[in-house]
């Protein structure tokens, strides 16, 4: 039977739902996220991490873990274009807003 408990506090900052618009908003550091729900066995060895589903989704999206290989390649190409100064490969924000009607 696992022992459930926490043995340390994270170095990251935890914000409450009153401080943010999202009820599970936490400054996204891996240590902070893992600290919130680490479960230990009786010997003190970490065995699993439990976090709220919405926070898990936020974590996945923040770190791009939900991106396909094609999307990752496209992002890498855009980054290379930006670093090389190839601005012609980008659309101006004003043009995009016009196209989207916003």
PDB file of N, CA and C in Angstrom:
ATOM      1  N   UNK A   1       0.847  -1.187   0.000  1.00  0.00           N
ATOM      2  CA  UNK A   1       0.000   0.000   0.000  1.00  0.00           C
ATOM      3  C   UNK A   1       0.887   1.243   0.000  1.00  0.00           C
ATOM      4  N   UNK A   2       0.687   2.161  -0.949  1.00  0.00           N
ATOM      5  CA  UNK A   2       1.527   3.353  -1.003  1.00  0.00           C
ATOM      6  C   UNK A   2       1.253   4.307   0.150  1.00  0.00           C
ATOM      7  N   UNK A   3       2.275   5.038   0.510  1.00  0.00           N
ATOM      8  CA  UNK A   3       2.157   6.102   1.496  1.00  0.00           C
ATOM      9  C   UNK A   3       2.048   7.406   0.719  1.00  0.00           C
ATOM     10  N   UNK A   4       1.068   8.237   1.049  1.00  0.00           N
ATOM     11  CA  UNK A   4       0.862   9.472   0.316  1.00  0.00           C
ATOM     12  C   UNK A   4       1.314  10.659   1.155  1.00  0.00           C
ATOM     13  N   UNK A   5       2.195  11.451   0.584  1.00  0.00           N
ATOM     14  CA  UNK A   5       2.636  12.628   1.315  1.00  0.00           C
ATOM     15  C   UNK A   5       3.650  13.424   0.529  1.00  0.00           C
ATOM     16  N   UNK A   6       3.957  14.590   1.034  1.00  0.00           N
ATOM     17  CA  UNK A   6       4.925  15.477   0.406  1.00  0.00           C
ATOM     18  C   UNK A   6       6.067  15.699   1.379  1.00  0.00           C
ATOM     19  N   UNK A   7       7.285  15.739   0.860  1.00  0.00           N
ATOM     20  CA  UNK A   7       8.397  15.931   1.774  1.00  0.00           C
ATOM     21  C   UNK A   7       9.210  17.196   1.507  1.00  0.00           C
ATOM     22  N   UNK A   8       8.811  17.999   0.534  1.00  0.00           N
ATOM     23  CA  UNK A   8       9.512  19.252   0.299  1.00  0.00           C
ATOM     24  C   UNK A   8       8.595  20.231  -0.410  1.00  0.00           C
ATOM     25  N   UNK A   9       9.012  21.490  -0.432  1.00  0.00           N
ATOM     26  CA  UNK A   9       8.249  22.516  -1.124  1.00  0.00           C
ATOM     27  C   UNK A   9       8.999  22.918  -2.385  1.00  0.00           C
ATOM     28  N   UNK A  10       8.271  23.323  -3.434  1.00  0.00           N
ATOM     29  CA  UNK A  10       8.930  23.703  -4.676  1.00  0.00           C
ATOM     30  C   UNK A  10       9.587  25.068  -4.573  1.00  0.00           C
ATOM     31  N   UNK A  11      10.535  25.300  -5.461  1.00  0.00           N
ATOM     32  CA  UNK A  11      11.137  26.628  -5.510  1.00  0.00           C
ATOM     33  C   UNK A  11      10.304  27.556  -6.383  1.00  0.00           C
ATOM     34  N   UNK A  12       9.416  27.004  -7.224  1.00  0.00           N
ATOM     35  CA  UNK A  12       8.557  27.815  -8.082  1.00  0.00           C
ATOM     36  C   UNK A  12       7.454  28.477  -7.292  1.00  0.00           C
ATOM     37  N   UNK A  13       6.805  29.444  -7.893  1.00  0.00           N
ATOM     38  CA  UNK A  13       5.763  30.209  -7.220  1.00  0.00           C
ATOM     39  C   UNK A  13       4.402  29.621  -7.566  1.00  0.00           C
ATOM     40  N   UNK A  14       3.606  29.326  -6.562  1.00  0.00           N
ATOM     41  CA  UNK A  14       2.256  28.823  -6.784  1.00  0.00           C
ATOM     42  C   UNK A  14       1.300  29.989  -6.649  1.00  0.00           C
ATOM     43  N   UNK A  15       0.428  30.150  -7.635  1.00  0.00           N
ATOM     44  CA  UNK A  15      -0.541  31.232  -7.598  1.00  0.00           C
ATOM     45  C   UNK A  15      -1.929  30.630  -7.402  1.00  0.00           C
ATOM     46  N   UNK A  16      -2.742  31.282  -6.595  1.00  0.00           N
ATOM     47  CA  UNK A  16      -4.090  30.790  -6.351  1.00  0.00           C
ATOM     48  C   UNK A  16      -5.027  31.264  -7.442  1.00  0.00           C
ATOM     49  N   UNK A  17      -6.224  30.687  -7.479  1.00  0.00           N
ATOM     50  CA  UNK A  17      -7.201  31.073  -8.498  1.00  0.00           C
ATOM     51  C   UNK A  17      -7.626  32.527  -8.341  1.00  0.00           C
ATOM     52  N   UNK A  18      -7.481  33.101  -7.139  1.00  0.00           N
ATOM     53  CA  UNK A  18      -7.816  34.519  -6.956  1.00  0.00           C
ATOM     54  C   UNK A  18      -6.797  35.411  -7.647  1.00  0.00           C
ATOM     55  N   UNK A  19      -5.565  34.924  -7.816  1.00  0.00           N
ATOM     56  CA  UNK A  19      -4.518  35.708  -8.462  1.00  0.00           C
ATOM     57  C   UNK A  19      -4.553  35.578  -9.981  1.00  0.00           C
ATOM     58  N   UNK A  20      -5.200  34.557 -10.496  1.00  0.00           N
ATOM     59  CA  UNK A  20      -5.225  34.309 -11.932  1.00  0.00           C
ATOM     60  C   UNK A  20      -6.646  33.986 -12.364  1.00  0.00           C
ATOM     61  N   UNK A  21      -6.860  33.934 -13.676  1.00  0.00           N
ATOM     62  CA  UNK A  21      -8.191  33.583 -14.174  1.00  0.00           C
ATOM     63  C   UNK A  21      -8.380  32.079 -14.273  1.00  0.00           C
ATOM     64  N   UNK A  22      -7.312  31.301 -14.167  1.00  0.00           N
ATOM     65  CA  UNK A  22      -7.396  29.853 -14.286  1.00  0.00           C
ATOM     66  C   UNK A  22      -7.288  29.226 -12.904  1.00  0.00           C
ATOM     67  N   UNK A  23      -8.228  28.346 -12.519  1.00  0.00           N
ATOM     68  CA  UNK A  23      -8.224  27.809 -11.159  1.00  0.00           C
ATOM     69  C   UNK A  23      -7.003  26.971 -10.816  1.00  0.00           C
ATOM     70  N   UNK A  24      -6.308  26.429 -11.812  1.00  0.00           N
ATOM     71  CA  UNK A  24      -5.156  25.585 -11.532  1.00  0.00           C
ATOM     72  C   UNK A  24      -3.857  26.233 -11.991  1.00  0.00           C
ATOM     73  N   UNK A  25      -3.862  27.551 -12.205  1.00  0.00           N
ATOM     74  CA  UNK A  25      -2.679  28.204 -12.746  1.00  0.00           C
ATOM     75  C   UNK A  25      -1.509  28.107 -11.778  1.00  0.00           C
ATOM     76  N   UNK A  26      -0.410  27.644 -12.278  1.00  0.00           N
ATOM     77  CA  UNK A  26       0.828  27.559 -11.511  1.00  0.00           C
ATOM     78  C   UNK A  26       1.939  28.002 -12.438  1.00  0.00           C
ATOM     79  N   UNK A  27       2.907  28.761 -11.922  1.00  0.00           N
ATOM     80  CA  UNK A  27       4.061  29.073 -12.745  1.00  0.00           C
ATOM     81  C   UNK A  27       4.650  27.739 -13.167  1.00  0.00           C
ATOM     82  N   UNK A  28       4.732  27.503 -14.457  1.00  0.00           N
ATOM     83  CA  UNK A  28       5.052  26.185 -14.983  1.00  0.00           C
ATOM     84  C   UNK A  28       6.528  25.817 -14.876  1.00  0.00           C
ATOM     85  N   UNK A  29       6.883  25.219 -13.766  1.00  0.00           N
ATOM     86  CA  UNK A  29       8.188  24.581 -13.664  1.00  0.00           C
ATOM     87  C   UNK A  29       7.898  23.128 -13.372  1.00  0.00           C
ATOM     88  N   UNK A  30       8.705  22.269 -13.903  1.00  0.00           N
ATOM     89  CA  UNK A  30       8.476  20.844 -13.682  1.00  0.00           C
ATOM     90  C   UNK A  30       8.466  20.528 -12.194  1.00  0.00           C
ATOM     91  N   UNK A  31       9.370  21.140 -11.444  1.00  0.00           N
ATOM     92  CA  UNK A  31       9.444  20.875 -10.006  1.00  0.00           C
ATOM     93  C   UNK A  31       8.143  21.258  -9.305  1.00  0.00           C
ATOM     94  N   UNK A  32       7.587  22.419  -9.671  1.00  0.00           N
ATOM     95  CA  UNK A  32       6.353  22.878  -9.041  1.00  0.00           C
ATOM     96  C   UNK A  32       5.206  21.934  -9.356  1.00  0.00           C
ATOM     97  N   UNK A  33       5.098  21.543 -10.603  1.00  0.00           N
ATOM     98  CA  UNK A  33       4.001  20.663 -11.002  1.00  0.00           C
ATOM     99  C   UNK A  33       4.120  19.306 -10.323  1.00  0.00           C
ATOM    100  N   UNK A  34       5.311  18.756 -10.306  1.00  0.00           N
ATOM    101  CA  UNK A  34       5.491  17.449  -9.693  1.00  0.00           C
ATOM    102  C   UNK A  34       5.294  17.499  -8.183  1.00  0.00           C
ATOM    103  N   UNK A  35       5.730  18.583  -7.545  1.00  0.00           N
ATOM    104  CA  UNK A  35       5.622  18.703  -6.101  1.00  0.00           C
ATOM    105  C   UNK A  35       4.188  18.589  -5.623  1.00  0.00           C
ATOM    106  N   UNK A  36       3.261  19.082  -6.403  1.00  0.00           N
ATOM    107  CA  UNK A  36       1.876  19.157  -5.955  1.00  0.00           C
ATOM    108  C   UNK A  36       1.246  17.805  -5.689  1.00  0.00           C
ATOM    109  N   UNK A  37       1.661  16.778  -6.371  1.00  0.00           N
ATOM    110  CA  UNK A  37       0.968  15.510  -6.183  1.00  0.00           C
ATOM    111  C   UNK A  37       1.859  14.298  -6.183  1.00  0.00           C
ATOM    112  N   UNK A  38       3.072  14.413  -5.680  1.00  0.00           N
ATOM    113  CA  UNK A  38       3.957  13.251  -5.631  1.00  0.00           C
ATOM    114  C   UNK A  38       3.472  12.319  -4.530  1.00  0.00           C
ATOM    115  N   UNK A  39       3.385  11.055  -4.869  1.00  0.00           N
ATOM    116  CA  UNK A  39       3.016  10.042  -3.875  1.00  0.00           C
ATOM    117  C   UNK A  39       4.222   9.138  -3.667  1.00  0.00           C
ATOM    118  N   UNK A  40       4.489   8.812  -2.407  1.00  0.00           N
ATOM    119  CA  UNK A  40       5.675   8.059  -2.034  1.00  0.00           C
ATOM    120  C   UNK A  40       5.286   6.707  -1.456  1.00  0.00           C
ATOM    121  N   UNK A  41       6.191   5.739  -1.590  1.00  0.00           N
ATOM    122  CA  UNK A  41       5.964   4.464  -0.911  1.00  0.00           C
ATOM    123  C   UNK A  41       6.431   4.609   0.542  1.00  0.00           C
ATOM    124  N   UNK A  42       6.285   3.578   1.305  1.00  0.00           N
ATOM    125  CA  UNK A  42       6.633   3.657   2.735  1.00  0.00           C
ATOM    126  C   UNK A  42       8.118   3.956   2.966  1.00  0.00           C
ATOM    127  N   UNK A  43       8.941   3.639   2.004  1.00  0.00           N
ATOM    128  CA  UNK A  43      10.371   3.906   2.129  1.00  0.00           C
ATOM    129  C   UNK A  43      10.753   5.312   1.703  1.00  0.00           C
ATOM    130  N   UNK A  44       9.771   6.121   1.265  1.00  0.00           N
ATOM    131  CA  UNK A  44      10.028   7.489   0.859  1.00  0.00           C
ATOM    132  C   UNK A  44      10.396   7.641  -0.604  1.00  0.00           C
ATOM    133  N   UNK A  45      10.310   6.549  -1.361  1.00  0.00           N
ATOM    134  CA  UNK A  45      10.645   6.608  -2.782  1.00  0.00           C
ATOM    135  C   UNK A  45       9.412   7.096  -3.563  1.00  0.00           C
ATOM    136  N   UNK A  46       9.594   8.118  -4.426  1.00  0.00           N
ATOM    137  CA  UNK A  46       8.454   8.592  -5.236  1.00  0.00           C
ATOM    138  C   UNK A  46       7.961   7.477  -6.159  1.00  0.00           C
ATOM    139  N   UNK A  47       6.630   7.302  -6.230  1.00  0.00           N
ATOM    140  CA  UNK A  47       6.084   6.238  -7.081  1.00  0.00           C
ATOM    141  C   UNK A  47       5.161   6.757  -8.174  1.00  0.00           C
ATOM    142  N   UNK A  48       4.539   7.918  -7.968  1.00  0.00           N
ATOM    143  CA  UNK A  48       3.656   8.465  -8.992  1.00  0.00           C
ATOM    144  C   UNK A  48       3.375   9.925  -8.701  1.00  0.00           C
ATOM    145  N   UNK A  49       2.842  10.607  -9.735  1.00  0.00           N
ATOM    146  CA  UNK A  49       2.476  12.013  -9.610  1.00  0.00           C
ATOM    147  C   UNK A  49       1.029  12.157 -10.049  1.00  0.00           C
ATOM    148  N   UNK A  50       0.238  12.865  -9.244  1.00  0.00           N
ATOM    149  CA  UNK A  50      -1.157  13.115  -9.574  1.00  0.00           C
ATOM    150  C   UNK A  50      -1.367  14.628  -9.602  1.00  0.00           C
ATOM    151  N   UNK A  51      -1.862  15.138 -10.749  1.00  0.00           N
ATOM    152  CA  UNK A  51      -2.182  16.556 -10.880  1.00  0.00           C
ATOM    153  C   UNK A  51      -3.559  16.672 -11.512  1.00  0.00           C
ATOM    154  N   UNK A  52      -4.248  17.798 -11.320  1.00  0.00           N
ATOM    155  CA  UNK A  52      -5.555  17.988 -11.950  1.00  0.00           C
ATOM    156  C   UNK A  52      -5.430  17.897 -13.476  1.00  0.00           C
ATOM    157  N   UNK A  53      -6.442  17.336 -14.122  1.00  0.00           N
ATOM    158  CA  UNK A  53      -6.411  17.123 -15.568  1.00  0.00           C
ATOM    159  C   UNK A  53      -6.169  18.416 -16.335  1.00  0.00           C
ATOM    160  N   UNK A  54      -6.853  19.496 -15.973  1.00  0.00           N
ATOM    161  CA  UNK A  54      -6.669  20.759 -16.686  1.00  0.00           C
ATOM    162  C   UNK A  54      -5.232  21.245 -16.575  1.00  0.00           C
ATOM    163  N   UNK A  55      -4.622  21.045 -15.443  1.00  0.00           N
ATOM    164  CA  UNK A  55      -3.232  21.448 -15.264  1.00  0.00           C
ATOM    165  C   UNK A  55      -2.320  20.581 -16.122  1.00  0.00           C
ATOM    166  N   UNK A  56      -2.642  19.303 -16.251  1.00  0.00           N
ATOM    167  CA  UNK A  56      -1.888  18.406 -17.122  1.00  0.00           C
ATOM    168  C   UNK A  56      -1.966  18.878 -18.569  1.00  0.00           C
ATOM    169  N   UNK A  57      -3.167  19.222 -19.022  1.00  0.00           N
ATOM    170  CA  UNK A  57      -3.348  19.716 -20.387  1.00  0.00           C
ATOM    171  C   UNK A  57      -2.554  20.995 -20.598  1.00  0.00           C
ATOM    172  N   UNK A  58      -2.608  21.919 -19.640  1.00  0.00           N
ATOM    173  CA  UNK A  58      -1.821  23.152 -19.731  1.00  0.00           C
ATOM    174  C   UNK A  58      -0.329  22.843 -19.848  1.00  0.00           C
ATOM    175  N   UNK A  59       0.143  21.897 -19.064  1.00  0.00           N
ATOM    176  CA  UNK A  59       1.557  21.509 -19.082  1.00  0.00           C
ATOM    177  C   UNK A  59       1.941  20.954 -20.456  1.00  0.00           C
ATOM    178  N   UNK A  60       1.124  20.053 -20.968  1.00  0.00           N
ATOM    179  CA  UNK A  60       1.382  19.446 -22.275  1.00  0.00           C
ATOM    180  C   UNK A  60       1.426  20.508 -23.367  1.00  0.00           C
ATOM    181  N   UNK A  61       0.461  21.424 -23.349  1.00  0.00           N
ATOM    182  CA  UNK A  61       0.412  22.468 -24.371  1.00  0.00           C
ATOM    183  C   UNK A  61       1.552  23.470 -24.216  1.00  0.00           C
ATOM    184  N   UNK A  62       1.896  23.828 -22.990  1.00  0.00           N
ATOM    185  CA  UNK A  62       2.970  24.785 -22.741  1.00  0.00           C
ATOM    186  C   UNK A  62       4.302  24.278 -23.277  1.00  0.00           C
ATOM    187  N   UNK A  63       4.583  23.013 -23.091  1.00  0.00           N
ATOM    188  CA  UNK A  63       5.857  22.452 -23.504  1.00  0.00           C
ATOM    189  C   UNK A  63       5.811  21.788 -24.880  1.00  0.00           C
ATOM    190  N   UNK A  64       4.688  21.937 -25.607  1.00  0.00           N
ATOM    191  CA  UNK A  64       4.590  21.433 -26.970  1.00  0.00           C
ATOM    192  C   UNK A  64       4.584  19.925 -27.083  1.00  0.00           C
ATOM    193  N   UNK A  65       4.182  19.251 -26.026  1.00  0.00           N
ATOM    194  CA  UNK A  65       4.181  17.792 -26.043  1.00  0.00           C
ATOM    195  C   UNK A  65       3.052  17.220 -26.897  1.00  0.00           C
ATOM    196  N   UNK A  66       2.123  18.087 -27.300  1.00  0.00           N
ATOM    197  CA  UNK A  66       0.992  17.652 -28.117  1.00  0.00           C
ATOM    198  C   UNK A  66       1.214  17.911 -29.607  1.00  0.00           C
ATOM    199  N   UNK A  67       2.382  18.423 -29.982  1.00  0.00           N
ATOM    200  CA  UNK A  67       2.653  18.762 -31.375  1.00  0.00           C
ATOM    201  C   UNK A  67       3.070  17.534 -32.176  1.00  0.00           C
ATOM    202  N   UNK A  68       2.637  17.500 -33.445  1.00  0.00           N
ATOM    203  CA  UNK A  68       3.068  16.428 -34.339  1.00  0.00           C
ATOM    204  C   UNK A  68       4.482  16.731 -34.823  1.00  0.00           C
ATOM    205  N   UNK A  69       5.113  15.748 -35.441  1.00  0.00           N
ATOM    206  CA  UNK A  69       6.451  15.963 -35.989  1.00  0.00           C
ATOM    207  C   UNK A  69       6.435  17.042 -37.063  1.00  0.00           C
ATOM    208  N   UNK A  70       5.376  17.089 -37.891  1.00  0.00           N
ATOM    209  CA  UNK A  70       5.257  18.124 -38.926  1.00  0.00           C
ATOM    210  C   UNK A  70       5.171  19.517 -38.308  1.00  0.00           C
ATOM    211  N   UNK A  71       4.399  19.647 -37.227  1.00  0.00           N
ATOM    212  CA  UNK A  71       4.271  20.943 -36.559  1.00  0.00           C
ATOM    213  C   UNK A  71       5.606  21.376 -35.944  1.00  0.00           C
ATOM    214  N   UNK A  72       6.316  20.434 -35.345  1.00  0.00           N
ATOM    215  CA  UNK A  72       7.625  20.743 -34.769  1.00  0.00           C
ATOM    216  C   UNK A  72       8.605  21.176 -35.856  1.00  0.00           C
ATOM    217  N   UNK A  73       8.557  20.509 -37.002  1.00  0.00           N
ATOM    218  CA  UNK A  73       9.431  20.867 -38.122  1.00  0.00           C
ATOM    219  C   UNK A  73       9.095  22.258 -38.645  1.00  0.00           C
ATOM    220  N   UNK A  74       7.797  22.563 -38.740  1.00  0.00           N
ATOM    221  CA  UNK A  74       7.361  23.877 -39.205  1.00  0.00           C
ATOM    222  C   UNK A  74       7.833  24.982 -38.257  1.00  0.00           C
ATOM    223  N   UNK A  75       7.755  24.735 -36.974  1.00  0.00           N
ATOM    224  CA  UNK A  75       8.214  25.705 -35.978  1.00  0.00           C
ATOM    225  C   UNK A  75       9.724  25.902 -36.099  1.00  0.00           C
ATOM    226  N   UNK A  76      10.464  24.817 -36.292  1.00  0.00           N
ATOM    227  CA  UNK A  76      11.921  24.915 -36.437  1.00  0.00           C
ATOM    228  C   UNK A  76      12.283  25.725 -37.683  1.00  0.00           C
ATOM    229  N   UNK A  77      11.545  25.500 -38.776  1.00  0.00           N
ATOM    230  CA  UNK A  77      11.787  26.264 -40.005  1.00  0.00           C
ATOM    231  C   UNK A  77      11.486  27.750 -39.795  1.00  0.00           C
ATOM    232  N   UNK A  78      10.394  28.055 -39.121  1.00  0.00           N
ATOM    233  CA  UNK A  78      10.037  29.453 -38.858  1.00  0.00           C
ATOM    234  C   UNK A  78      11.097  30.122 -37.986  1.00  0.00           C
ATOM    235  N   UNK A  79      11.583  29.402 -36.992  1.00  0.00           N
ATOM    236  CA  UNK A  79      12.630  29.948 -36.124  1.00  0.00           C
ATOM    237  C   UNK A  79      13.894  30.231 -36.931  1.00  0.00           C
ATOM    238  N   UNK A  80      14.259  29.301 -37.812  1.00  0.00           N
ATOM    239  CA  UNK A  80      15.448  29.486 -38.656  1.00  0.00           C
ATOM    240  C   UNK A  80      15.262  30.687 -39.585  1.00  0.00           C
ATOM    241  N   UNK A  81      14.065  30.838 -40.164  1.00  0.00           N
ATOM    242  CA  UNK A  81      13.772  31.988 -41.025  1.00  0.00           C
ATOM    243  C   UNK A  81      13.910  33.289 -40.251  1.00  0.00           C
ATOM    244  N   UNK A  82      13.366  33.313 -39.042  1.00  0.00           N
ATOM    245  CA  UNK A  82      13.438  34.520 -38.228  1.00  0.00           C
ATOM    246  C   UNK A  82      14.888  34.874 -37.889  1.00  0.00           C
ATOM    247  N   UNK A  83      15.647  33.870 -37.479  1.00  0.00           N
ATOM    248  CA  UNK A  83      17.047  34.103 -37.109  1.00  0.00           C
ATOM    249  C   UNK A  83      17.895  34.535 -38.302  1.00  0.00           C
ATOM    250  N   UNK A  84      17.508  34.082 -39.514  1.00  0.00           N
ATOM    251  CA  UNK A  84      18.251  34.448 -40.722  1.00  0.00           C
ATOM    252  C   UNK A  84      17.758  35.757 -41.329  1.00  0.00           C
ATOM    253  N   UNK A  85      16.716  36.335 -40.727  1.00  0.00           N
ATOM    254  CA  UNK A  85      16.197  37.610 -41.206  1.00  0.00           C
ATOM    255  C   UNK A  85      15.326  37.502 -42.442  1.00  0.00           C
ATOM    256  N   UNK A  86      14.806  36.327 -42.723  1.00  0.00           N
ATOM    257  CA  UNK A  86      13.926  36.129 -43.881  1.00  0.00           C
ATOM    258  C   UNK A  86      12.490  36.530 -43.515  1.00  0.00           C
ATOM    259  N   UNK A  87      12.249  37.832 -43.453  1.00  0.00           N
ATOM    260  CA  UNK A  87      10.946  38.340 -43.027  1.00  0.00           C
ATOM    261  C   UNK A  87       9.869  38.130 -44.070  1.00  0.00           C
ATOM    262  N   UNK A  88      10.242  37.906 -45.320  1.00  0.00           N
ATOM    263  CA  UNK A  88       9.262  37.668 -46.378  1.00  0.00           C
ATOM    264  C   UNK A  88       8.483  36.379 -46.188  1.00  0.00           C
ATOM    265  N   UNK A  89       8.956  35.509 -45.339  1.00  0.00           N
ATOM    266  CA  UNK A  89       8.270  34.245 -45.073  1.00  0.00           C
ATOM    267  C   UNK A  89       7.196  34.372 -43.994  1.00  0.00           C
ATOM    268  N   UNK A  90       7.001  35.603 -43.501  1.00  0.00           N
ATOM    269  CA  UNK A  90       6.035  35.831 -42.435  1.00  0.00           C
ATOM    270  C   UNK A  90       4.940  36.770 -42.909  1.00  0.00           C
ATOM    271  N   UNK A  91       3.800  36.728 -42.253  1.00  0.00           N
ATOM    272  CA  UNK A  91       2.671  37.614 -42.542  1.00  0.00           C
ATOM    273  C   UNK A  91       2.621  38.667 -41.444  1.00  0.00           C
ATOM    274  N   UNK A  92       2.448  39.924 -41.829  1.00  0.00           N
ATOM    275  CA  UNK A  92       2.345  41.008 -40.856  1.00  0.00           C
ATOM    276  C   UNK A  92       1.083  40.810 -40.015  1.00  0.00           C
ATOM    277  N   UNK A  93       1.161  41.171 -38.742  1.00  0.00           N
ATOM    278  CA  UNK A  93       0.021  41.023 -37.836  1.00  0.00           C
ATOM    279  C   UNK A  93      -1.202  41.761 -38.363  1.00  0.00           C
ATOM    280  N   UNK A  94      -0.998  42.963 -38.875  1.00  0.00           N
ATOM    281  CA  UNK A  94      -2.123  43.751 -39.407  1.00  0.00           C
ATOM    282  C   UNK A  94      -2.804  43.021 -40.558  1.00  0.00           C
ATOM    283  N   UNK A  95      -2.015  42.399 -41.438  1.00  0.00           N
ATOM    284  CA  UNK A  95      -2.582  41.646 -42.569  1.00  0.00           C
ATOM    285  C   UNK A  95      -3.358  40.423 -42.081  1.00  0.00           C
ATOM    286  N   UNK A  96      -2.829  39.764 -41.095  1.00  0.00           N
ATOM    287  CA  UNK A  96      -3.504  38.591 -40.536  1.00  0.00           C
ATOM    288  C   UNK A  96      -4.816  38.987 -39.874  1.00  0.00           C
ATOM    289  N   UNK A  97      -4.799  40.077 -39.126  1.00  0.00           N
ATOM    290  CA  UNK A  97      -6.031  40.551 -38.476  1.00  0.00           C
ATOM    291  C   UNK A  97      -7.079  40.908 -39.522  1.00  0.00           C
ATOM    292  N   UNK A  98      -6.674  41.546 -40.629  1.00  0.00           N
ATOM    293  CA  UNK A  98      -7.607  41.859 -41.710  1.00  0.00           C
ATOM    294  C   UNK A  98      -8.204  40.602 -42.296  1.00  0.00           C
ATOM    295  N   UNK A  99      -7.333  39.644 -42.563  1.00  0.00           N
ATOM    296  CA  UNK A  99      -7.774  38.371 -43.161  1.00  0.00           C
ATOM    297  C   UNK A  99      -8.766  37.642 -42.250  1.00  0.00           C
ATOM    298  N   UNK A 100      -8.525  37.716 -40.955  1.00  0.00           N
ATOM    299  CA  UNK A 100      -9.405  37.037 -39.987  1.00  0.00           C
ATOM    300  C   UNK A 100     -10.607  37.889 -39.581  1.00  0.00           C
ATOM    301  N   UNK A 101     -10.597  39.157 -39.984  1.00  0.00           N
ATOM    302  CA  UNK A 101     -11.707  40.032 -39.648  1.00  0.00           C
ATOM    303  C   UNK A 101     -11.740  40.444 -38.184  1.00  0.00           C
ATOM    304  N   UNK A 102     -10.600  40.593 -37.581  1.00  0.00           N
ATOM    305  CA  UNK A 102     -10.566  41.010 -36.164  1.00  0.00           C
ATOM    306  C   UNK A 102      -9.851  42.334 -36.007  1.00  0.00           C
TER     307      UNK A 102
END
